[in-house]
Amino acid sequence: MSATPAGLAAYQRVVEAIKAQIRAGQLKPGDQLPGNRRVAEEYDVSLGTAQKALRVLQDEGWLIATPAVGVFVNDPQDREPDTMSGITRQLDELQATVADLSRRLDRLEGSDRP
């Protein structure tokens, strides 16, 4: 496993490690990634965490999955349009977090009233 930024969730560390391998040319467009179990072992994470990381990389366009064949590194030229879906997903998550925090703040402010 390569060095990745600390403070990230386990799946994010896997995502960043695989992106770093792609950027460094260790993984090239068309290269097949090992199966989910092997990815989990390689990065010392649970199977679910490995699957989530690979899903995120697919959503962001870094990887492309071919059912019953495998997961492959996507060509960088094909990556750009899919980046928007990753950004959209992150915005949706942020909006949900802001709404939750707003509801909590409203409850706190309501409990301060006489």
C-alpha atoms as a PDB file:
ATOM      1  CA  MET A   1       0.000   0.000   0.000  1.00  0.00           C
ATOM      2  CA  SER A   2       1.344   3.447  -0.866  1.00  0.00           C
ATOM      3  CA  ALA A   3       1.440   6.383   1.515  1.00  0.00           C
ATOM      4  CA  THR A   4      -1.827   8.332   1.610  1.00  0.00           C
ATOM      5  CA  PRO A   5      -2.999  11.395   3.519  1.00  0.00           C
ATOM      6  CA  ALA A   6      -3.931  10.767   7.138  1.00  0.00           C
ATOM      7  CA  GLY A   7      -7.262  11.916   8.509  1.00  0.00           C
ATOM      8  CA  LEU A   8      -9.283  10.477   5.649  1.00  0.00           C
ATOM      9  CA  ALA A   9     -11.914   7.777   5.934  1.00  0.00           C
ATOM     10  CA  ALA A  10     -10.622   4.314   5.001  1.00  0.00           C
ATOM     11  CA  TYR A  11     -12.411   4.286   1.626  1.00  0.00           C
ATOM     12  CA  GLN A  12     -11.033   7.749   0.831  1.00  0.00           C
ATOM     13  CA  ARG A  13      -7.493   6.547   1.569  1.00  0.00           C
ATOM     14  CA  VAL A  14      -7.992   3.712  -0.915  1.00  0.00           C
ATOM     15  CA  VAL A  15      -9.436   6.137  -3.475  1.00  0.00           C
ATOM     16  CA  GLU A  16      -6.483   8.509  -3.104  1.00  0.00           C
ATOM     17  CA  ALA A  17      -3.938   5.664  -3.241  1.00  0.00           C
ATOM     18  CA  ILE A  18      -5.388   4.296  -6.485  1.00  0.00           C
ATOM     19  CA  LYS A  19      -5.586   7.791  -8.002  1.00  0.00           C
ATOM     20  CA  ALA A  20      -1.926   8.311  -7.074  1.00  0.00           C
ATOM     21  CA  GLN A  21      -1.003   5.046  -8.820  1.00  0.00           C
ATOM     22  CA  ILE A  22      -2.878   6.158 -11.943  1.00  0.00           C
ATOM     23  CA  ARG A  23      -1.256   9.611 -11.914  1.00  0.00           C
ATOM     24  CA  ALA A  24       2.199   8.055 -11.452  1.00  0.00           C
ATOM     25  CA  GLY A  25       1.635   5.718 -14.384  1.00  0.00           C
ATOM     26  CA  GLN A  26       1.787   2.587 -12.234  1.00  0.00           C
ATOM     27  CA  LEU A  27      -1.754   1.891 -13.403  1.00  0.00           C
ATOM     28  CA  LYS A  28      -2.387   2.774 -17.051  1.00  0.00           C
ATOM     29  CA  PRO A  29      -5.600   3.140 -19.059  1.00  0.00           C
ATOM     30  CA  GLY A  30      -6.906  -0.318 -19.833  1.00  0.00           C
ATOM     31  CA  ASP A  31      -5.130  -2.001 -16.906  1.00  0.00           C
ATOM     32  CA  GLN A  32      -7.402  -4.342 -14.979  1.00  0.00           C
ATOM     33  CA  LEU A  33      -7.593  -3.947 -11.216  1.00  0.00           C
ATOM     34  CA  PRO A  34      -7.590  -7.040  -9.024  1.00  0.00           C
ATOM     35  CA  GLY A  35     -10.896  -8.279  -7.628  1.00  0.00           C
ATOM     36  CA  ASN A  36     -12.596  -6.601  -4.673  1.00  0.00           C
ATOM     37  CA  ARG A  37     -11.222  -9.091  -2.150  1.00  0.00           C
ATOM     38  CA  ARG A  38      -7.672  -8.579  -3.378  1.00  0.00           C
ATOM     39  CA  VAL A  39      -8.082  -4.776  -3.222  1.00  0.00           C
ATOM     40  CA  ALA A  40      -9.371  -5.141   0.357  1.00  0.00           C
ATOM     41  CA  GLU A  41      -6.346  -7.255   1.293  1.00  0.00           C
ATOM     42  CA  GLU A  42      -3.875  -4.962  -0.474  1.00  0.00           C
ATOM     43  CA  TYR A  43      -5.117  -1.864   1.355  1.00  0.00           C
ATOM     44  CA  ASP A  44      -5.924  -3.675   4.601  1.00  0.00           C
ATOM     45  CA  VAL A  45      -9.583  -2.639   4.619  1.00  0.00           C
ATOM     46  CA  SER A  46     -12.873  -4.500   4.761  1.00  0.00           C
ATOM     47  CA  LEU A  47     -14.484  -5.833   1.603  1.00  0.00           C
ATOM     48  CA  GLY A  48     -17.271  -3.225   1.898  1.00  0.00           C
ATOM     49  CA  THR A  49     -14.733  -0.421   2.189  1.00  0.00           C
ATOM     50  CA  ALA A  50     -12.888  -1.652  -0.915  1.00  0.00           C
ATOM     51  CA  GLN A  51     -16.172  -1.872  -2.823  1.00  0.00           C
ATOM     52  CA  LYS A  52     -17.136   1.663  -1.777  1.00  0.00           C
ATOM     53  CA  ALA A  53     -13.743   3.019  -2.883  1.00  0.00           C
ATOM     54  CA  LEU A  54     -14.024   1.347  -6.276  1.00  0.00           C
ATOM     55  CA  ARG A  55     -17.594   2.679  -6.678  1.00  0.00           C
ATOM     56  CA  VAL A  56     -16.397   6.214  -5.932  1.00  0.00           C
ATOM     57  CA  LEU A  57     -13.600   5.856  -8.483  1.00  0.00           C
ATOM     58  CA  GLN A  58     -16.139   4.623 -11.033  1.00  0.00           C
ATOM     59  CA  ASP A  59     -18.515   7.487 -10.223  1.00  0.00           C
ATOM     60  CA  GLU A  60     -15.665   9.960 -10.706  1.00  0.00           C
ATOM     61  CA  GLY A  61     -14.661   8.337 -14.008  1.00  0.00           C
ATOM     62  CA  TRP A  62     -11.253   7.002 -12.911  1.00  0.00           C
ATOM     63  CA  LEU A  63     -12.349   3.393 -13.376  1.00  0.00           C
ATOM     64  CA  ILE A  64     -14.795   1.659 -15.639  1.00  0.00           C
ATOM     65  CA  ALA A  65     -16.521  -1.603 -14.758  1.00  0.00           C
ATOM     66  CA  THR A  66     -17.451  -4.235 -17.309  1.00  0.00           C
ATOM     67  CA  PRO A  67     -19.917  -6.726 -15.801  1.00  0.00           C
ATOM     68  CA  ALA A  68     -18.592 -10.298 -15.585  1.00  0.00           C
ATOM     69  CA  VAL A  69     -15.201  -9.101 -16.885  1.00  0.00           C
ATOM     70  CA  GLY A  70     -13.677  -6.703 -14.363  1.00  0.00           C
ATOM     71  CA  VAL A  71     -12.769  -3.163 -13.388  1.00  0.00           C
ATOM     72  CA  PHE A  72     -10.340  -1.231 -15.573  1.00  0.00           C
ATOM     73  CA  VAL A  73      -8.497   2.088 -15.460  1.00  0.00           C
ATOM     74  CA  ASN A  74     -10.370   4.557 -17.637  1.00  0.00           C
ATOM     75  CA  ASP A  75      -8.711   6.713 -20.278  1.00  0.00           C
ATOM     76  CA  PRO A  76      -8.101  10.246 -18.884  1.00  0.00           C
ATOM     77  CA  GLN A  77      -9.860  11.777 -21.899  1.00  0.00           C
ATOM     78  CA  ASP A  78     -12.995   9.873 -20.969  1.00  0.00           C
ATOM     79  CA  ARG A  79     -12.700  10.857 -17.318  1.00  0.00           C
ATOM     80  CA  GLU A  80     -13.728  14.521 -17.430  1.00  0.00           C
ATOM     81  CA  PRO A  81     -17.503  14.246 -18.003  1.00  0.00           C
ATOM     82  CA  ASP A  82     -17.884  11.739 -15.166  1.00  0.00           C
ATOM     83  CA  THR A  83     -16.109  14.064 -12.748  1.00  0.00           C
ATOM     84  CA  MET A  84     -19.305  16.127 -12.644  1.00  0.00           C
ATOM     85  CA  SER A  85     -21.256  13.214 -11.202  1.00  0.00           C
ATOM     86  CA  GLY A  86     -18.722  12.981  -8.357  1.00  0.00           C
ATOM     87  CA  ILE A  87     -19.004  16.707  -7.720  1.00  0.00           C
ATOM     88  CA  THR A  88     -22.799  16.523  -7.854  1.00  0.00           C
ATOM     89  CA  ARG A  89     -22.764  13.665  -5.320  1.00  0.00           C
ATOM     90  CA  GLN A  90     -20.503  15.659  -2.998  1.00  0.00           C
ATOM     91  CA  LEU A  91     -22.769  18.706  -3.284  1.00  0.00           C
ATOM     92  CA  ASP A  92     -25.805  16.572  -2.444  1.00  0.00           C
ATOM     93  CA  GLU A  93     -23.993  15.243   0.643  1.00  0.00           C
ATOM     94  CA  LEU A  94     -23.010  18.764   1.698  1.00  0.00           C
ATOM     95  CA  GLN A  95     -26.558  20.046   1.246  1.00  0.00           C
ATOM     96  CA  ALA A  96     -27.895  17.226   3.406  1.00  0.00           C
ATOM     97  CA  THR A  97     -25.286  18.016   6.081  1.00  0.00           C
ATOM     98  CA  VAL A  98     -26.138  21.731   6.033  1.00  0.00           C
ATOM     99  CA  ALA A  99     -29.856  20.956   6.305  1.00  0.00           C
ATOM    100  CA  ASP A 100     -29.198  18.640   9.261  1.00  0.00           C
ATOM    101  CA  LEU A 101     -27.045  21.259  10.993  1.00  0.00           C
ATOM    102  CA  SER A 102     -29.691  23.903  10.356  1.00  0.00           C
ATOM    103  CA  ARG A 103     -32.363  21.709  11.986  1.00  0.00           C
ATOM    104  CA  ARG A 104     -30.091  21.113  14.981  1.00  0.00           C
ATOM    105  CA  LEU A 105     -29.393  24.840  15.317  1.00  0.00           C
ATOM    106  CA  ASP A 106     -33.113  25.617  15.163  1.00  0.00           C
ATOM    107  CA  ARG A 107     -33.732  23.101  17.977  1.00  0.00           C
ATOM    108  CA  LEU A 108     -30.936  24.611  20.073  1.00  0.00           C
ATOM    109  CA  GLU A 109     -32.204  28.133  19.533  1.00  0.00           C
ATOM    110  CA  GLY A 110     -35.722  26.979  20.401  1.00  0.00           C
ATOM    111  CA  SER A 111     -34.523  25.471  23.686  1.00  0.00           C
ATOM    112  CA  ASP A 112     -32.979  28.812  24.719  1.00  0.00           C
ATOM    113  CA  ARG A 113     -36.340  30.597  24.548  1.00  0.00           C
ATOM    114  CA  PRO A 114     -38.179  31.160  27.828  1.00  0.00           C
END
